[in-house]
PDB file of all heavy atoms in Angstrom:
ATOM      1  N   LEU A   1     -17.293  -9.903   1.330  1.00  0.00           N
ATOM      2  CA  LEU A   1     -18.455 -10.457   2.020  1.00  0.00           C
ATOM      3  C   LEU A   1     -18.072 -11.069   3.356  1.00  0.00           C
ATOM      4  O   LEU A   1     -18.898 -11.181   4.265  1.00  0.00           O
ATOM      5  CB  LEU A   1     -19.129 -11.528   1.145  1.00  0.00           C
ATOM      6  CG  LEU A   1     -19.785 -11.064  -0.157  1.00  0.00           C
ATOM      7  CD1 LEU A   1     -20.273 -12.273  -0.944  1.00  0.00           C
ATOM      8  CD2 LEU A   1     -20.940 -10.105   0.127  1.00  0.00           C
ATOM      9  N   PHE A   2     -16.804 -11.479   3.483  1.00  0.00           N
ATOM     10  CA  PHE A   2     -16.362 -12.179   4.682  1.00  0.00           C
ATOM     11  C   PHE A   2     -15.480 -11.319   5.587  1.00  0.00           C
ATOM     12  O   PHE A   2     -15.421 -11.542   6.785  1.00  0.00           O
ATOM     13  CB  PHE A   2     -15.601 -13.445   4.282  1.00  0.00           C
ATOM     14  CG  PHE A   2     -16.444 -14.455   3.577  1.00  0.00           C
ATOM     15  CD1 PHE A   2     -16.582 -14.442   2.194  1.00  0.00           C
ATOM     16  CD2 PHE A   2     -17.124 -15.426   4.297  1.00  0.00           C
ATOM     17  CE1 PHE A   2     -17.369 -15.380   1.539  1.00  0.00           C
ATOM     18  CE2 PHE A   2     -17.919 -16.366   3.663  1.00  0.00           C
ATOM     19  CZ  PHE A   2     -18.050 -16.337   2.279  1.00  0.00           C
ATOM     20  N   ASN A   3     -14.781 -10.367   4.994  1.00  0.00           N
ATOM     21  CA  ASN A   3     -13.882  -9.534   5.784  1.00  0.00           C
ATOM     22  C   ASN A   3     -13.950  -8.081   5.328  1.00  0.00           C
ATOM     23  O   ASN A   3     -14.323  -7.798   4.183  1.00  0.00           O
ATOM     24  CB  ASN A   3     -12.434 -10.010   5.655  1.00  0.00           C
ATOM     25  CG  ASN A   3     -12.191 -11.330   6.355  1.00  0.00           C
ATOM     26  OD1 ASN A   3     -12.259 -12.395   5.744  1.00  0.00           O
ATOM     27  ND2 ASN A   3     -11.897 -11.266   7.644  1.00  0.00           N
ATOM     28  N   LYS A   4     -13.560  -7.188   6.212  1.00  0.00           N
ATOM     29  CA  LYS A   4     -13.448  -5.778   5.863  1.00  0.00           C
ATOM     30  C   LYS A   4     -12.028  -5.494   5.390  1.00  0.00           C
ATOM     31  O   LYS A   4     -11.060  -5.943   5.996  1.00  0.00           O
ATOM     32  CB  LYS A   4     -13.783  -4.899   7.071  1.00  0.00           C
ATOM     33  CG  LYS A   4     -15.242  -4.974   7.499  1.00  0.00           C
ATOM     34  CD  LYS A   4     -15.500  -4.084   8.704  1.00  0.00           C
ATOM     35  CE  LYS A   4     -16.961  -4.167   9.141  1.00  0.00           C
ATOM     36  NZ  LYS A   4     -17.217  -3.333  10.342  1.00  0.00           N
ATOM     37  N   PHE A   5     -11.939  -4.738   4.295  1.00  0.00           N
ATOM     38  CA  PHE A   5     -10.641  -4.371   3.738  1.00  0.00           C
ATOM     39  C   PHE A   5     -10.523  -2.849   3.749  1.00  0.00           C
ATOM     40  O   PHE A   5     -11.241  -2.159   3.031  1.00  0.00           O
ATOM     41  CB  PHE A   5     -10.501  -4.905   2.309  1.00  0.00           C
ATOM     42  CG  PHE A   5     -10.466  -6.402   2.232  1.00  0.00           C
ATOM     43  CD1 PHE A   5     -11.635  -7.146   2.216  1.00  0.00           C
ATOM     44  CD2 PHE A   5      -9.260  -7.077   2.191  1.00  0.00           C
ATOM     45  CE1 PHE A   5     -11.611  -8.528   2.150  1.00  0.00           C
ATOM     46  CE2 PHE A   5      -9.213  -8.458   2.131  1.00  0.00           C
ATOM     47  CZ  PHE A   5     -10.394  -9.182   2.114  1.00  0.00           C
ATOM     48  N   LYS A   6      -9.633  -2.357   4.582  1.00  0.00           N
ATOM     49  CA  LYS A   6      -9.442  -0.910   4.694  1.00  0.00           C
ATOM     50  C   LYS A   6      -8.114  -0.531   4.059  1.00  0.00           C
ATOM     51  O   LYS A   6      -7.094  -1.178   4.321  1.00  0.00           O
ATOM     52  CB  LYS A   6      -9.451  -0.471   6.155  1.00  0.00           C
ATOM     53  CG  LYS A   6     -10.772  -0.683   6.865  1.00  0.00           C
ATOM     54  CD  LYS A   6     -10.850   0.130   8.160  1.00  0.00           C
ATOM     55  CE  LYS A   6      -9.628  -0.046   9.015  1.00  0.00           C
ATOM     56  NZ  LYS A   6      -9.735   0.708  10.308  1.00  0.00           N
ATOM     57  N   PRO A   7      -8.107   0.501   3.207  1.00  0.00           N
ATOM     58  CA  PRO A   7      -6.824   0.976   2.666  1.00  0.00           C
ATOM     59  C   PRO A   7      -5.882   1.384   3.791  1.00  0.00           C
ATOM     60  O   PRO A   7      -6.308   1.944   4.805  1.00  0.00           O
ATOM     61  CB  PRO A   7      -7.235   2.186   1.811  1.00  0.00           C
ATOM     62  CG  PRO A   7      -8.680   1.980   1.497  1.00  0.00           C
ATOM     63  CD  PRO A   7      -9.256   1.274   2.691  1.00  0.00           C
ATOM     64  N   LEU A   8      -4.629   1.055   3.608  1.00  0.00           N
ATOM     65  CA  LEU A   8      -3.624   1.416   4.599  1.00  0.00           C
ATOM     66  C   LEU A   8      -3.546   2.936   4.727  1.00  0.00           C
ATOM     67  O   LEU A   8      -3.441   3.657   3.724  1.00  0.00           O
ATOM     68  CB  LEU A   8      -2.265   0.852   4.177  1.00  0.00           C
ATOM     69  CG  LEU A   8      -1.071   1.106   5.101  1.00  0.00           C
ATOM     70  CD1 LEU A   8      -1.304   0.470   6.461  1.00  0.00           C
ATOM     71  CD2 LEU A   8       0.199   0.566   4.465  1.00  0.00           C
ATOM     72  N   GLU A   9      -3.611   3.408   5.952  1.00  0.00           N
ATOM     73  CA  GLU A   9      -3.619   4.850   6.178  1.00  0.00           C
ATOM     74  C   GLU A   9      -2.235   5.447   5.921  1.00  0.00           C
ATOM     75  O   GLU A   9      -1.208   4.774   6.072  1.00  0.00           O
ATOM     76  CB  GLU A   9      -4.047   5.132   7.621  1.00  0.00           C
ATOM     77  CG  GLU A   9      -5.490   4.730   7.917  1.00  0.00           C
ATOM     78  CD  GLU A   9      -5.883   5.030   9.353  1.00  0.00           C
ATOM     79  OE1 GLU A   9      -5.001   5.504  10.103  1.00  0.00           O
ATOM     80  OE2 GLU A   9      -7.045   4.791   9.715  1.00  0.00           O
ATOM     81  N   PRO A  10      -2.195   6.746   5.532  1.00  0.00           N
ATOM     82  CA  PRO A  10      -0.902   7.416   5.309  1.00  0.00           C
ATOM     83  C   PRO A  10      -0.045   7.366   6.567  1.00  0.00           C
ATOM     84  O   PRO A  10      -0.537   7.441   7.687  1.00  0.00           O
ATOM     85  CB  PRO A  10      -1.310   8.854   4.975  1.00  0.00           C
ATOM     86  CG  PRO A  10      -2.709   8.748   4.450  1.00  0.00           C
ATOM     87  CD  PRO A  10      -3.342   7.628   5.221  1.00  0.00           C
ATOM     88  N   GLY A  11       1.240   7.208   6.346  1.00  0.00           N
ATOM     89  CA  GLY A  11       2.165   7.131   7.470  1.00  0.00           C
ATOM     90  C   GLY A  11       3.473   6.516   7.024  1.00  0.00           C
ATOM     91  O   GLY A  11       3.714   6.297   5.818  1.00  0.00           O
ATOM     92  N   ALA A  12       4.321   6.193   7.983  1.00  0.00           N
ATOM     93  CA  ALA A  12       5.652   5.662   7.675  1.00  0.00           C
ATOM     94  C   ALA A  12       5.565   4.336   6.932  1.00  0.00           C
ATOM     95  O   ALA A  12       6.333   4.097   5.975  1.00  0.00           O
ATOM     96  CB  ALA A  12       6.454   5.499   8.965  1.00  0.00           C
ATOM     97  N   LEU A  13       4.646   3.452   7.344  1.00  0.00           N
ATOM     98  CA  LEU A  13       4.531   2.142   6.697  1.00  0.00           C
ATOM     99  C   LEU A  13       4.092   2.277   5.247  1.00  0.00           C
ATOM    100  O   LEU A  13       4.704   1.687   4.347  1.00  0.00           O
ATOM    101  CB  LEU A  13       3.542   1.259   7.467  1.00  0.00           C
ATOM    102  CG  LEU A  13       3.251  -0.121   6.851  1.00  0.00           C
ATOM    103  CD1 LEU A  13       4.536  -0.916   6.685  1.00  0.00           C
ATOM    104  CD2 LEU A  13       2.235  -0.887   7.705  1.00  0.00           C
ATOM    105  N   LYS A  14       3.060   3.070   4.999  1.00  0.00           N
ATOM    106  CA  LYS A  14       2.579   3.233   3.636  1.00  0.00           C
ATOM    107  C   LYS A  14       3.644   3.886   2.758  1.00  0.00           C
ATOM    108  O   LYS A  14       3.850   3.466   1.601  1.00  0.00           O
ATOM    109  CB  LYS A  14       1.298   4.070   3.616  1.00  0.00           C
ATOM    110  CG  LYS A  14       0.706   4.207   2.219  1.00  0.00           C
ATOM    111  CD  LYS A  14      -0.651   4.884   2.245  1.00  0.00           C
ATOM    112  CE  LYS A  14      -1.244   4.948   0.839  1.00  0.00           C
ATOM    113  NZ  LYS A  14      -2.586   5.570   0.830  1.00  0.00           N
ATOM    114  N   SER A  15       4.338   4.875   3.273  1.00  0.00           N
ATOM    115  CA  SER A  15       5.393   5.543   2.503  1.00  0.00           C
ATOM    116  C   SER A  15       6.500   4.569   2.138  1.00  0.00           C
ATOM    117  O   SER A  15       6.998   4.568   1.007  1.00  0.00           O
ATOM    118  CB  SER A  15       5.974   6.711   3.313  1.00  0.00           C
ATOM    119  OG  SER A  15       4.979   7.688   3.566  1.00  0.00           O
ATOM    120  N   ALA A  16       6.878   3.700   3.087  1.00  0.00           N
ATOM    121  CA  ALA A  16       7.936   2.721   2.832  1.00  0.00           C
ATOM    122  C   ALA A  16       7.496   1.713   1.784  1.00  0.00           C
ATOM    123  O   ALA A  16       8.284   1.340   0.891  1.00  0.00           O
ATOM    124  CB  ALA A  16       8.308   2.013   4.133  1.00  0.00           C
ATOM    125  N   ILE A  17       6.250   1.269   1.866  1.00  0.00           N
ATOM    126  CA  ILE A  17       5.741   0.289   0.897  1.00  0.00           C
ATOM    127  C   ILE A  17       5.662   0.898  -0.500  1.00  0.00           C
ATOM    128  O   ILE A  17       6.079   0.278  -1.489  1.00  0.00           O
ATOM    129  CB  ILE A  17       4.357  -0.229   1.345  1.00  0.00           C
ATOM    130  CG1 ILE A  17       4.491  -1.075   2.618  1.00  0.00           C
ATOM    131  CG2 ILE A  17       3.705  -1.054   0.234  1.00  0.00           C
ATOM    132  CD1 ILE A  17       3.165  -1.431   3.256  1.00  0.00           C
ATOM    133  N   MET A  18       5.115   2.114  -0.596  1.00  0.00           N
ATOM    134  CA  MET A  18       4.976   2.751  -1.907  1.00  0.00           C
ATOM    135  C   MET A  18       6.347   3.056  -2.511  1.00  0.00           C
ATOM    136  O   MET A  18       6.542   2.927  -3.730  1.00  0.00           O
ATOM    137  CB  MET A  18       4.154   4.027  -1.775  1.00  0.00           C
ATOM    138  CG  MET A  18       2.735   3.811  -1.243  1.00  0.00           C
ATOM    139  SD  MET A  18       1.752   2.596  -2.170  1.00  0.00           S
ATOM    140  CE  MET A  18       1.440   3.521  -3.674  1.00  0.00           C
ATOM    141  N   ALA A  19       7.303   3.438  -1.669  1.00  0.00           N
ATOM    142  CA  ALA A  19       8.659   3.705  -2.165  1.00  0.00           C
ATOM    143  C   ALA A  19       9.290   2.435  -2.717  1.00  0.00           C
ATOM    144  O   ALA A  19       9.935   2.448  -3.778  1.00  0.00           O
ATOM    145  CB  ALA A  19       9.519   4.284  -1.047  1.00  0.00           C
ATOM    146  N   TYR A  20       9.082   1.328  -2.008  1.00  0.00           N
ATOM    147  CA  TYR A  20       9.624   0.052  -2.502  1.00  0.00           C
ATOM    148  C   TYR A  20       8.945  -0.351  -3.804  1.00  0.00           C
ATOM    149  O   TYR A  20       9.607  -0.774  -4.764  1.00  0.00           O
ATOM    150  CB  TYR A  20       9.445  -1.061  -1.461  1.00  0.00           C
ATOM    151  CG  TYR A  20       9.771  -2.415  -2.034  1.00  0.00           C
ATOM    152  CD1 TYR A  20      11.090  -2.807  -2.240  1.00  0.00           C
ATOM    153  CD2 TYR A  20       8.762  -3.291  -2.428  1.00  0.00           C
ATOM    154  CE1 TYR A  20      11.400  -4.027  -2.807  1.00  0.00           C
ATOM    155  CE2 TYR A  20       9.052  -4.516  -2.994  1.00  0.00           C
ATOM    156  CZ  TYR A  20      10.373  -4.878  -3.181  1.00  0.00           C
ATOM    157  OH  TYR A  20      10.670  -6.083  -3.759  1.00  0.00           O
ATOM    158  N   ALA A  21       7.617  -0.237  -3.865  1.00  0.00           N
ATOM    159  CA  ALA A  21       6.882  -0.599  -5.083  1.00  0.00           C
ATOM    160  C   ALA A  21       7.373   0.211  -6.279  1.00  0.00           C
ATOM    161  O   ALA A  21       7.557  -0.324  -7.375  1.00  0.00           O
ATOM    162  CB  ALA A  21       5.383  -0.397  -4.869  1.00  0.00           C
ATOM    163  N   ASN A  22       7.611   1.495  -6.080  1.00  0.00           N
ATOM    164  CA  ASN A  22       8.128   2.338  -7.162  1.00  0.00           C
ATOM    165  C   ASN A  22       9.524   1.906  -7.582  1.00  0.00           C
ATOM    166  O   ASN A  22       9.885   1.969  -8.770  1.00  0.00           O
ATOM    167  CB  ASN A  22       8.147   3.806  -6.720  1.00  0.00           C
ATOM    168  CG  ASN A  22       6.750   4.395  -6.587  1.00  0.00           C
ATOM    169  OD1 ASN A  22       5.819   3.949  -7.258  1.00  0.00           O
ATOM    170  ND2 ASN A  22       6.593   5.379  -5.709  1.00  0.00           N
ATOM    171  N   SER A  23      10.323   1.438  -6.626  1.00  0.00           N
ATOM    172  CA  SER A  23      11.702   1.052  -6.930  1.00  0.00           C
ATOM    173  C   SER A  23      11.777  -0.178  -7.828  1.00  0.00           C
ATOM    174  O   SER A  23      12.771  -0.383  -8.528  1.00  0.00           O
ATOM    175  CB  SER A  23      12.479   0.801  -5.635  1.00  0.00           C
ATOM    176  OG  SER A  23      12.075  -0.419  -5.021  1.00  0.00           O
ATOM    177  N   ILE A  24      10.734  -1.021  -7.805  1.00  0.00           N
ATOM    178  CA  ILE A  24      10.728  -2.216  -8.659  1.00  0.00           C
ATOM    179  C   ILE A  24       9.721  -2.078  -9.803  1.00  0.00           C
ATOM    180  O   ILE A  24       9.385  -3.060 -10.466  1.00  0.00           O
ATOM    181  CB  ILE A  24      10.427  -3.483  -7.845  1.00  0.00           C
ATOM    182  CG1 ILE A  24       9.043  -3.405  -7.181  1.00  0.00           C
ATOM    183  CG2 ILE A  24      11.512  -3.749  -6.812  1.00  0.00           C
ATOM    184  CD1 ILE A  24       8.577  -4.719  -6.582  1.00  0.00           C
ATOM    185  N   ASP A  25       9.213  -0.843 -10.001  1.00  0.00           N
ATOM    186  CA  ASP A  25       8.262  -0.564 -11.079  1.00  0.00           C
ATOM    187  C   ASP A  25       7.000  -1.430 -10.945  1.00  0.00           C
ATOM    188  O   ASP A  25       6.530  -2.027 -11.906  1.00  0.00           O
ATOM    189  CB  ASP A  25       8.926  -0.789 -12.442  1.00  0.00           C
ATOM    190  CG  ASP A  25       8.108  -0.183 -13.584  1.00  0.00           C
ATOM    191  OD1 ASP A  25       7.390   0.791 -13.332  1.00  0.00           O
ATOM    192  OD2 ASP A  25       8.198  -0.709 -14.715  1.00  0.00           O
ATOM    193  N   PHE A  26       6.465  -1.474  -9.749  1.00  0.00           N
ATOM    194  CA  PHE A  26       5.249  -2.237  -9.466  1.00  0.00           C
ATOM    195  C   PHE A  26       4.116  -1.250  -9.235  1.00  0.00           C
ATOM    196  O   PHE A  26       4.124  -0.482  -8.272  1.00  0.00           O
ATOM    197  CB  PHE A  26       5.455  -3.102  -8.211  1.00  0.00           C
ATOM    198  CG  PHE A  26       4.288  -3.999  -7.875  1.00  0.00           C
ATOM    199  CD1 PHE A  26       4.204  -5.280  -8.393  1.00  0.00           C
ATOM    200  CD2 PHE A  26       3.278  -3.559  -7.026  1.00  0.00           C
ATOM    201  CE1 PHE A  26       3.138  -6.110  -8.067  1.00  0.00           C
ATOM    202  CE2 PHE A  26       2.205  -4.378  -6.700  1.00  0.00           C
ATOM    203  CZ  PHE A  26       2.144  -5.664  -7.225  1.00  0.00           C
ATOM    204  N   SER A  27       3.146  -1.236 -10.152  1.00  0.00           N
ATOM    205  CA  SER A  27       2.029  -0.290 -10.017  1.00  0.00           C
ATOM    206  C   SER A  27       1.149  -0.703  -8.848  1.00  0.00           C
ATOM    207  O   SER A  27       0.641  -1.817  -8.799  1.00  0.00           O
ATOM    208  CB  SER A  27       1.201  -0.253 -11.310  1.00  0.00           C
ATOM    209  OG  SER A  27       0.649  -1.519 -11.586  1.00  0.00           O
ATOM    210  N   LEU A  28       1.000   0.199  -7.910  1.00  0.00           N
ATOM    211  CA  LEU A  28       0.269  -0.115  -6.696  1.00  0.00           C
ATOM    212  C   LEU A  28      -0.496   1.114  -6.239  1.00  0.00           C
ATOM    213  O   LEU A  28       0.088   2.146  -5.919  1.00  0.00           O
ATOM    214  CB  LEU A  28       1.251  -0.549  -5.594  1.00  0.00           C
ATOM    215  CG  LEU A  28       0.660  -0.995  -4.267  1.00  0.00           C
ATOM    216  CD1 LEU A  28      -0.169  -2.260  -4.445  1.00  0.00           C
ATOM    217  CD2 LEU A  28       1.780  -1.244  -3.254  1.00  0.00           C
ATOM    218  N   ASN A  29      -1.831   1.000  -6.253  1.00  0.00           N
ATOM    219  CA  ASN A  29      -2.661   2.112  -5.808  1.00  0.00           C
ATOM    220  C   ASN A  29      -2.787   2.150  -4.296  1.00  0.00           C
ATOM    221  O   ASN A  29      -2.826   3.211  -3.688  1.00  0.00           O
ATOM    222  CB  ASN A  29      -4.055   2.023  -6.441  1.00  0.00           C
ATOM    223  CG  ASN A  29      -4.008   2.215  -7.941  1.00  0.00           C
ATOM    224  OD1 ASN A  29      -3.178   2.972  -8.446  1.00  0.00           O
ATOM    225  ND2 ASN A  29      -4.875   1.516  -8.661  1.00  0.00           N
ATOM    226  N   ASN A  30      -2.859   0.936  -3.707  1.00  0.00           N
ATOM    227  CA  ASN A  30      -3.009   0.900  -2.259  1.00  0.00           C
ATOM    228  C   ASN A  30      -2.727  -0.501  -1.738  1.00  0.00           C
ATOM    229  O   ASN A  30      -2.729  -1.477  -2.489  1.00  0.00           O
ATOM    230  CB  ASN A  30      -4.427   1.309  -1.843  1.00  0.00           C
ATOM    231  CG  ASN A  30      -4.410   2.110  -0.547  1.00  0.00           C
ATOM    232  OD1 ASN A  30      -3.616   1.839   0.348  1.00  0.00           O
ATOM    233  ND2 ASN A  30      -5.285   3.095  -0.464  1.00  0.00           N
ATOM    234  N   VAL A  31      -2.470  -0.568  -0.453  1.00  0.00           N
ATOM    235  CA  VAL A  31      -2.348  -1.827   0.275  1.00  0.00           C
ATOM    236  C   VAL A  31      -3.528  -1.884   1.229  1.00  0.00           C
ATOM    237  O   VAL A  31      -3.921  -0.864   1.805  1.00  0.00           O
ATOM    238  CB  VAL A  31      -1.019  -1.888   1.060  1.00  0.00           C
ATOM    239  CG1 VAL A  31      -0.937  -3.176   1.877  1.00  0.00           C
ATOM    240  CG2 VAL A  31       0.156  -1.783   0.112  1.00  0.00           C
ATOM    241  N   PHE A  32      -4.101  -3.081   1.387  1.00  0.00           N
ATOM    242  CA  PHE A  32      -5.291  -3.212   2.216  1.00  0.00           C
ATOM    243  C   PHE A  32      -4.975  -3.967   3.502  1.00  0.00           C
ATOM    244  O   PHE A  32      -4.172  -4.896   3.519  1.00  0.00           O
ATOM    245  CB  PHE A  32      -6.397  -3.934   1.442  1.00  0.00           C
ATOM    246  CG  PHE A  32      -6.947  -3.137   0.302  1.00  0.00           C
ATOM    247  CD1 PHE A  32      -6.347  -3.184  -0.950  1.00  0.00           C
ATOM    248  CD2 PHE A  32      -8.059  -2.327   0.473  1.00  0.00           C
ATOM    249  CE1 PHE A  32      -6.841  -2.439  -2.008  1.00  0.00           C
ATOM    250  CE2 PHE A  32      -8.568  -1.582  -0.577  1.00  0.00           C
ATOM    251  CZ  PHE A  32      -7.956  -1.632  -1.819  1.00  0.00           C
TER     252      PHE A  32
END
């Protein structure tokens, strides 16, 4: 209601974040 939350677009940053999340077994669908 106060802010817009957009899923992080595909790219180097998202790939790095998802790779790290997988390395620590952290289920993560998206970063906003």
